[in-house]
Amino acid sequence: MRRSGKSKKSKKTRRVSAPIQVRFLKKKGLKTKESRRSIVDPAIEQQLKTFEEGVQNFHQQKYARAKPLFEKVLSGPGKDLADRARVHLRIIEQRMQRSEPIIPRTPEEHYQQGVAMMNMGRWDEAREHLLRARKLAPKADYVVYAMAALDCLTGEAESAMENLKLAIQLRPENRYHARNDEDFAFLQEDPRFTELLYPDRDGSGT
């Protein structure tokens, strides 16, 4: 077969320089590491973090904590986050207006309020609620146990021993709770306390 006199030209591979490659990637919608870093706005990140913290408190019904967080989001650069924070603020204001202070009526409610006051170090208010709970439910071992703990925290050793002994009589399991309860640290050196919590020990201390 007769070959043509024209030689077939070899196809050369086109080399693309680095700047052109970057432009090509951007044209295709891809981002280099440098472009991704430049898009991140620290102010937006902080605003989003504050918003998420506010939402977490909102779902836990901690409206007093969530409100200032959402108010802080309003001053951020992200309009969408600010709009969403504004919606949450309206809901919080409505719920806080509707919420009224709960007046304890049952033994359990007085007990819970008493324990809450104990945790805040408000001893007089704690004692008031626990006494009311005990009056309504004199055989409630958990109320008597809480009274013993309160007596111990306020340095009333004799009353603490009496209440703890009664709490154990009402419910023997309270003996084991008291062994690891830090509220009774005041009685740790009292031999009566040891005898009450460890009745099976002999005089040798074993």
C-alpha atoms as a PDB file:
ATOM      1  CA  MET A   1       0.000   0.000   0.000  1.00  0.00           C
ATOM      2  CA  ARG A   2       1.278   3.427  -0.911  1.00  0.00           C
ATOM      3  CA  ARG A   3       1.892   5.655   2.038  1.00  0.00           C
ATOM      4  CA  SER A   4       1.123   9.310   1.907  1.00  0.00           C
ATOM      5  CA  GLY A   5       4.070  11.596   1.883  1.00  0.00           C
ATOM      6  CA  LYS A   6       2.670  13.592   4.744  1.00  0.00           C
ATOM      7  CA  SER A   7       3.894  12.359   8.063  1.00  0.00           C
ATOM      8  CA  LYS A   8       1.385  12.093  10.869  1.00  0.00           C
ATOM      9  CA  LYS A   9       2.106  14.747  13.455  1.00  0.00           C
ATOM     10  CA  SER A  10       2.445  13.508  17.024  1.00  0.00           C
ATOM     11  CA  LYS A  11      -0.089  14.943  19.444  1.00  0.00           C
ATOM     12  CA  LYS A  12       1.631  17.035  22.046  1.00  0.00           C
ATOM     13  CA  THR A  13       0.411  17.077  25.669  1.00  0.00           C
ATOM     14  CA  ARG A  14      -0.593  20.516  26.777  1.00  0.00           C
ATOM     15  CA  ARG A  15       1.102  21.628  29.941  1.00  0.00           C
ATOM     16  CA  VAL A  16      -0.881  23.828  32.266  1.00  0.00           C
ATOM     17  CA  SER A  17       0.911  26.262  34.487  1.00  0.00           C
ATOM     18  CA  ALA A  18       0.108  26.543  38.198  1.00  0.00           C
ATOM     19  CA  PRO A  19      -1.841  29.848  37.972  1.00  0.00           C
ATOM     20  CA  ILE A  20      -3.985  28.429  35.170  1.00  0.00           C
ATOM     21  CA  GLN A  21      -4.653  25.301  37.237  1.00  0.00           C
ATOM     22  CA  VAL A  22      -5.962  27.404  40.092  1.00  0.00           C
ATOM     23  CA  ARG A  23      -8.243  29.323  37.731  1.00  0.00           C
ATOM     24  CA  PHE A  24      -9.416  26.033  36.240  1.00  0.00           C
ATOM     25  CA  LEU A  25     -10.298  24.633  39.660  1.00  0.00           C
ATOM     26  CA  LYS A  26     -12.227  27.753  40.581  1.00  0.00           C
ATOM     27  CA  LYS A  27     -14.085  27.612  37.272  1.00  0.00           C
ATOM     28  CA  LYS A  28     -15.132  24.029  38.012  1.00  0.00           C
ATOM     29  CA  GLY A  29     -16.435  25.048  41.425  1.00  0.00           C
ATOM     30  CA  LEU A  30     -13.591  23.451  43.371  1.00  0.00           C
ATOM     31  CA  LYS A  31     -11.784  25.184  46.215  1.00  0.00           C
ATOM     32  CA  THR A  32      -8.153  25.079  47.131  1.00  0.00           C
ATOM     33  CA  LYS A  33      -7.059  24.948  50.749  1.00  0.00           C
ATOM     34  CA  GLU A  34      -6.234  28.635  50.642  1.00  0.00           C
ATOM     35  CA  SER A  35      -9.665  29.578  49.319  1.00  0.00           C
ATOM     36  CA  ARG A  36     -11.425  27.434  51.930  1.00  0.00           C
ATOM     37  CA  ARG A  37      -9.526  29.126  54.732  1.00  0.00           C
ATOM     38  CA  SER A  38     -10.328  32.562  53.372  1.00  0.00           C
ATOM     39  CA  ILE A  39     -14.084  31.820  53.379  1.00  0.00           C
ATOM     40  CA  VAL A  40     -14.231  31.041  57.130  1.00  0.00           C
ATOM     41  CA  ASP A  41     -15.193  34.142  59.103  1.00  0.00           C
ATOM     42  CA  PRO A  42     -14.166  33.946  62.782  1.00  0.00           C
ATOM     43  CA  ALA A  43     -17.004  36.289  63.728  1.00  0.00           C
ATOM     44  CA  ILE A  44     -19.545  33.977  62.084  1.00  0.00           C
ATOM     45  CA  GLU A  45     -18.014  30.970  63.822  1.00  0.00           C
ATOM     46  CA  GLN A  46     -18.307  32.675  67.212  1.00  0.00           C
ATOM     47  CA  GLN A  47     -21.859  33.759  66.481  1.00  0.00           C
ATOM     48  CA  LEU A  48     -22.804  30.193  65.516  1.00  0.00           C
ATOM     49  CA  LYS A  49     -21.174  28.801  68.660  1.00  0.00           C
ATOM     50  CA  THR A  50     -23.117  31.242  70.832  1.00  0.00           C
ATOM     51  CA  PHE A  51     -26.346  30.399  69.020  1.00  0.00           C
ATOM     52  CA  GLU A  52     -25.845  26.651  69.528  1.00  0.00           C
ATOM     53  CA  GLU A  53     -25.159  27.196  73.229  1.00  0.00           C
ATOM     54  CA  GLY A  54     -28.361  29.213  73.473  1.00  0.00           C
ATOM     55  CA  VAL A  55     -30.353  26.477  71.739  1.00  0.00           C
ATOM     56  CA  GLN A  56     -28.975  23.877  74.142  1.00  0.00           C
ATOM     57  CA  ASN A  57     -30.115  25.905  77.156  1.00  0.00           C
ATOM     58  CA  PHE A  58     -33.425  26.600  75.433  1.00  0.00           C
ATOM     59  CA  HIS A  59     -34.172  22.885  75.028  1.00  0.00           C
ATOM     60  CA  GLN A  60     -33.270  22.333  78.682  1.00  0.00           C
ATOM     61  CA  GLN A  61     -35.785  25.075  79.570  1.00  0.00           C
ATOM     62  CA  LYS A  62     -33.016  27.191  81.093  1.00  0.00           C
ATOM     63  CA  TYR A  63     -34.493  30.354  79.665  1.00  0.00           C
ATOM     64  CA  ALA A  64     -32.630  32.729  81.968  1.00  0.00           C
ATOM     65  CA  ARG A  65     -29.338  31.417  80.564  1.00  0.00           C
ATOM     66  CA  ALA A  66     -30.496  31.157  76.964  1.00  0.00           C
ATOM     67  CA  LYS A  67     -31.856  34.705  76.718  1.00  0.00           C
ATOM     68  CA  PRO A  68     -28.551  36.648  77.000  1.00  0.00           C
ATOM     69  CA  LEU A  69     -26.911  34.228  74.572  1.00  0.00           C
ATOM     70  CA  PHE A  70     -29.547  34.854  71.899  1.00  0.00           C
ATOM     71  CA  GLU A  71     -29.331  38.589  72.551  1.00  0.00           C
ATOM     72  CA  LYS A  72     -25.596  38.381  71.888  1.00  0.00           C
ATOM     73  CA  VAL A  73     -26.266  36.575  68.603  1.00  0.00           C
ATOM     74  CA  LEU A  74     -28.348  39.553  67.415  1.00  0.00           C
ATOM     75  CA  SER A  75     -25.241  41.723  67.245  1.00  0.00           C
ATOM     76  CA  GLY A  76     -23.324  39.217  65.103  1.00  0.00           C
ATOM     77  CA  PRO A  77     -22.669  39.529  61.364  1.00  0.00           C
ATOM     78  CA  GLY A  78     -24.845  36.589  60.293  1.00  0.00           C
ATOM     79  CA  LYS A  79     -28.347  37.829  59.438  1.00  0.00           C
ATOM     80  CA  ASP A  80     -29.825  34.329  59.269  1.00  0.00           C
ATOM     81  CA  LEU A  81     -28.539  33.431  62.739  1.00  0.00           C
ATOM     82  CA  ALA A  82     -29.793  36.746  64.097  1.00  0.00           C
ATOM     83  CA  ASP A  83     -33.271  36.094  62.678  1.00  0.00           C
ATOM     84  CA  ARG A  84     -33.379  32.628  64.226  1.00  0.00           C
ATOM     85  CA  ALA A  85     -32.187  33.994  67.566  1.00  0.00           C
ATOM     86  CA  ARG A  86     -34.930  36.629  67.434  1.00  0.00           C
ATOM     87  CA  VAL A  87     -37.552  33.882  67.053  1.00  0.00           C
ATOM     88  CA  HIS A  88     -36.190  32.032  70.071  1.00  0.00           C
ATOM     89  CA  LEU A  89     -36.191  35.237  72.106  1.00  0.00           C
ATOM     90  CA  ARG A  90     -39.879  35.814  71.407  1.00  0.00           C
ATOM     91  CA  ILE A  91     -40.688  32.282  72.564  1.00  0.00           C
ATOM     92  CA  ILE A  92     -38.573  32.713  75.707  1.00  0.00           C
ATOM     93  CA  GLU A  93     -40.303  35.966  76.627  1.00  0.00           C
ATOM     94  CA  GLN A  94     -43.718  34.348  76.226  1.00  0.00           C
ATOM     95  CA  ARG A  95     -42.791  31.339  78.333  1.00  0.00           C
ATOM     96  CA  MET A  96     -41.133  33.401  81.046  1.00  0.00           C
ATOM     97  CA  GLN A  97     -44.214  35.593  81.318  1.00  0.00           C
ATOM     98  CA  ARG A  98     -46.486  32.566  81.650  1.00  0.00           C
ATOM     99  CA  SER A  99     -44.319  30.793  84.202  1.00  0.00           C
ATOM    100  CA  GLU A 100     -45.284  31.468  87.792  1.00  0.00           C
ATOM    101  CA  PRO A 101     -43.364  30.471  90.906  1.00  0.00           C
ATOM    102  CA  ILE A 102     -44.351  27.000  92.069  1.00  0.00           C
ATOM    103  CA  ILE A 103     -45.800  26.934  95.574  1.00  0.00           C
ATOM    104  CA  PRO A 104     -44.914  23.624  97.270  1.00  0.00           C
ATOM    105  CA  ARG A 105     -47.974  21.805  98.560  1.00  0.00           C
ATOM    106  CA  THR A 106     -47.159  18.096  98.758  1.00  0.00           C
ATOM    107  CA  PRO A 107     -44.488  16.438 100.925  1.00  0.00           C
ATOM    108  CA  GLU A 108     -42.450  15.664  97.815  1.00  0.00           C
ATOM    109  CA  GLU A 109     -42.561  19.279  96.639  1.00  0.00           C
ATOM    110  CA  HIS A 110     -41.498  20.591 100.046  1.00  0.00           C
ATOM    111  CA  TYR A 111     -38.753  17.956 100.162  1.00  0.00           C
ATOM    112  CA  GLN A 112     -37.432  18.909  96.724  1.00  0.00           C
ATOM    113  CA  GLN A 113     -37.502  22.592  97.629  1.00  0.00           C
ATOM    114  CA  GLY A 114     -35.731  21.859 100.899  1.00  0.00           C
ATOM    115  CA  VAL A 115     -32.957  19.916  99.172  1.00  0.00           C
ATOM    116  CA  ALA A 116     -32.586  22.717  96.616  1.00  0.00           C
ATOM    117  CA  MET A 117     -32.155  25.233  99.430  1.00  0.00           C
ATOM    118  CA  MET A 118     -29.593  22.949 101.091  1.00  0.00           C
ATOM    119  CA  ASN A 119     -27.556  22.838  97.894  1.00  0.00           C
ATOM    120  CA  MET A 120     -27.579  26.635  97.858  1.00  0.00           C
ATOM    121  CA  GLY A 121     -26.539  26.874 101.499  1.00  0.00           C
ATOM    122  CA  ARG A 122     -29.803  28.512 102.539  1.00  0.00           C
ATOM    123  CA  TRP A 123     -30.191  26.498 105.725  1.00  0.00           C
ATOM    124  CA  ASP A 124     -33.163  28.276 107.310  1.00  0.00           C
ATOM    125  CA  GLU A 125     -35.318  27.980 104.202  1.00  0.00           C
ATOM    126  CA  ALA A 126     -34.254  24.361 103.770  1.00  0.00           C
ATOM    127  CA  ARG A 127     -35.271  23.527 107.323  1.00  0.00           C
ATOM    128  CA  GLU A 128     -38.612  25.255 106.886  1.00  0.00           C
ATOM    129  CA  HIS A 129     -39.522  23.177 103.831  1.00  0.00           C
ATOM    130  CA  LEU A 130     -38.253  19.913 105.310  1.00  0.00           C
ATOM    131  CA  LEU A 131     -40.229  20.467 108.510  1.00  0.00           C
ATOM    132  CA  ARG A 132     -43.365  21.035 106.456  1.00  0.00           C
ATOM    133  CA  ALA A 133     -42.670  17.896 104.447  1.00  0.00           C
ATOM    134  CA  ARG A 134     -42.155  15.921 107.646  1.00  0.00           C
ATOM    135  CA  LYS A 135     -45.385  17.240 109.109  1.00  0.00           C
ATOM    136  CA  LEU A 136     -47.289  16.113 106.009  1.00  0.00           C
ATOM    137  CA  ALA A 137     -45.493  12.753 105.803  1.00  0.00           C
ATOM    138  CA  PRO A 138     -43.975  11.861 109.200  1.00  0.00           C
ATOM    139  CA  LYS A 139     -42.944   8.366 108.079  1.00  0.00           C
ATOM    140  CA  ALA A 140     -41.234   9.416 104.859  1.00  0.00           C
ATOM    141  CA  ASP A 141     -37.705   8.125 105.443  1.00  0.00           C
ATOM    142  CA  TYR A 142     -36.155  10.327 102.749  1.00  0.00           C
ATOM    143  CA  VAL A 143     -37.443  13.453 104.498  1.00  0.00           C
ATOM    144  CA  VAL A 144     -36.049  12.348 107.863  1.00  0.00           C
ATOM    145  CA  TYR A 145     -32.745  11.457 106.187  1.00  0.00           C
ATOM    146  CA  ALA A 146     -32.554  14.922 104.631  1.00  0.00           C
ATOM    147  CA  MET A 147     -33.260  16.444 108.036  1.00  0.00           C
ATOM    148  CA  ALA A 148     -30.349  14.460 109.484  1.00  0.00           C
ATOM    149  CA  ALA A 149     -28.060  15.706 106.719  1.00  0.00           C
ATOM    150  CA  LEU A 150     -29.171  19.292 107.297  1.00  0.00           C
ATOM    151  CA  ASP A 151     -28.573  18.968 111.045  1.00  0.00           C
ATOM    152  CA  CYS A 152     -25.093  17.681 110.347  1.00  0.00           C
ATOM    153  CA  LEU A 153     -24.304  20.490 107.917  1.00  0.00           C
ATOM    154  CA  THR A 154     -25.373  23.062 110.492  1.00  0.00           C
ATOM    155  CA  GLY A 155     -23.439  21.448 113.352  1.00  0.00           C
ATOM    156  CA  GLU A 156     -26.428  19.967 115.203  1.00  0.00           C
ATOM    157  CA  ALA A 157     -24.799  16.665 116.131  1.00  0.00           C
ATOM    158  CA  GLU A 158     -27.419  15.392 118.588  1.00  0.00           C
ATOM    159  CA  SER A 159     -30.353  16.122 116.308  1.00  0.00           C
ATOM    160  CA  ALA A 160     -28.464  14.673 113.345  1.00  0.00           C
ATOM    161  CA  MET A 161     -27.883  11.395 115.190  1.00  0.00           C
ATOM    162  CA  GLU A 162     -31.524  11.142 116.230  1.00  0.00           C
ATOM    163  CA  ASN A 163     -32.855  11.815 112.746  1.00  0.00           C
ATOM    164  CA  LEU A 164     -30.363   9.497 111.093  1.00  0.00           C
ATOM    165  CA  LYS A 165     -31.229   6.700 113.508  1.00  0.00           C
ATOM    166  CA  LEU A 166     -34.934   7.172 112.755  1.00  0.00           C
ATOM    167  CA  ALA A 167     -34.299   7.274 108.994  1.00  0.00           C
ATOM    168  CA  ILE A 168     -32.467   3.945 109.245  1.00  0.00           C
ATOM    169  CA  GLN A 169     -35.287   2.449 111.303  1.00  0.00           C
ATOM    170  CA  LEU A 170     -37.797   3.527 108.661  1.00  0.00           C
ATOM    171  CA  ARG A 171     -35.604   2.220 105.849  1.00  0.00           C
ATOM    172  CA  PRO A 172     -32.474   0.181 106.686  1.00  0.00           C
ATOM    173  CA  GLU A 173     -30.923   0.941 103.294  1.00  0.00           C
ATOM    174  CA  ASN A 174     -30.289   4.486 104.527  1.00  0.00           C
ATOM    175  CA  ARG A 175     -27.455   3.064 106.627  1.00  0.00           C
ATOM    176  CA  TYR A 176     -25.492   2.276 103.468  1.00  0.00           C
ATOM    177  CA  HIS A 177     -26.284   5.633 101.890  1.00  0.00           C
ATOM    178  CA  ALA A 178     -24.969   7.474 104.933  1.00  0.00           C
ATOM    179  CA  ARG A 179     -21.640   5.623 104.812  1.00  0.00           C
ATOM    180  CA  ASN A 180     -20.680   7.406 101.591  1.00  0.00           C
ATOM    181  CA  ASP A 181     -22.589  10.645 102.108  1.00  0.00           C
ATOM    182  CA  GLU A 182     -20.257  13.637 102.465  1.00  0.00           C
ATOM    183  CA  ASP A 183     -22.972  15.572 104.281  1.00  0.00           C
ATOM    184  CA  PHE A 184     -22.227  13.472 107.378  1.00  0.00           C
ATOM    185  CA  ALA A 185     -18.510  14.279 107.465  1.00  0.00           C
ATOM    186  CA  PHE A 186     -19.108  16.261 110.670  1.00  0.00           C
ATOM    187  CA  LEU A 187     -19.980  13.009 112.478  1.00  0.00           C
ATOM    188  CA  GLN A 188     -17.105  10.895 111.188  1.00  0.00           C
ATOM    189  CA  GLU A 189     -15.201  11.077 114.486  1.00  0.00           C
ATOM    190  CA  ASP A 190     -18.266  10.388 116.628  1.00  0.00           C
ATOM    191  CA  PRO A 191     -18.196   6.744 117.866  1.00  0.00           C
ATOM    192  CA  ARG A 192     -22.002   6.705 117.949  1.00  0.00           C
ATOM    193  CA  PHE A 193     -22.042   7.433 114.230  1.00  0.00           C
ATOM    194  CA  THR A 194     -19.672   4.538 113.536  1.00  0.00           C
ATOM    195  CA  GLU A 195     -21.694   2.206 115.739  1.00  0.00           C
ATOM    196  CA  LEU A 196     -24.913   3.219 113.980  1.00  0.00           C
ATOM    197  CA  LEU A 197     -23.543   2.691 110.477  1.00  0.00           C
ATOM    198  CA  TYR A 198     -21.455  -0.420 111.228  1.00  0.00           C
ATOM    199  CA  PRO A 199     -23.421  -2.385 113.853  1.00  0.00           C
ATOM    200  CA  ASP A 200     -21.696  -5.671 112.949  1.00  0.00           C
ATOM    201  CA  ARG A 201     -18.250  -4.458 113.980  1.00  0.00           C
ATOM    202  CA  ASP A 202     -16.896  -5.697 117.280  1.00  0.00           C
ATOM    203  CA  GLY A 203     -15.111  -3.617 119.870  1.00  0.00           C
ATOM    204  CA  SER A 204     -11.699  -4.240 118.289  1.00  0.00           C
ATOM    205  CA  GLY A 205     -12.675  -2.123 115.262  1.00  0.00           C
ATOM    206  CA  THR A 206     -12.345  -4.982 112.790  1.00  0.00           C
END
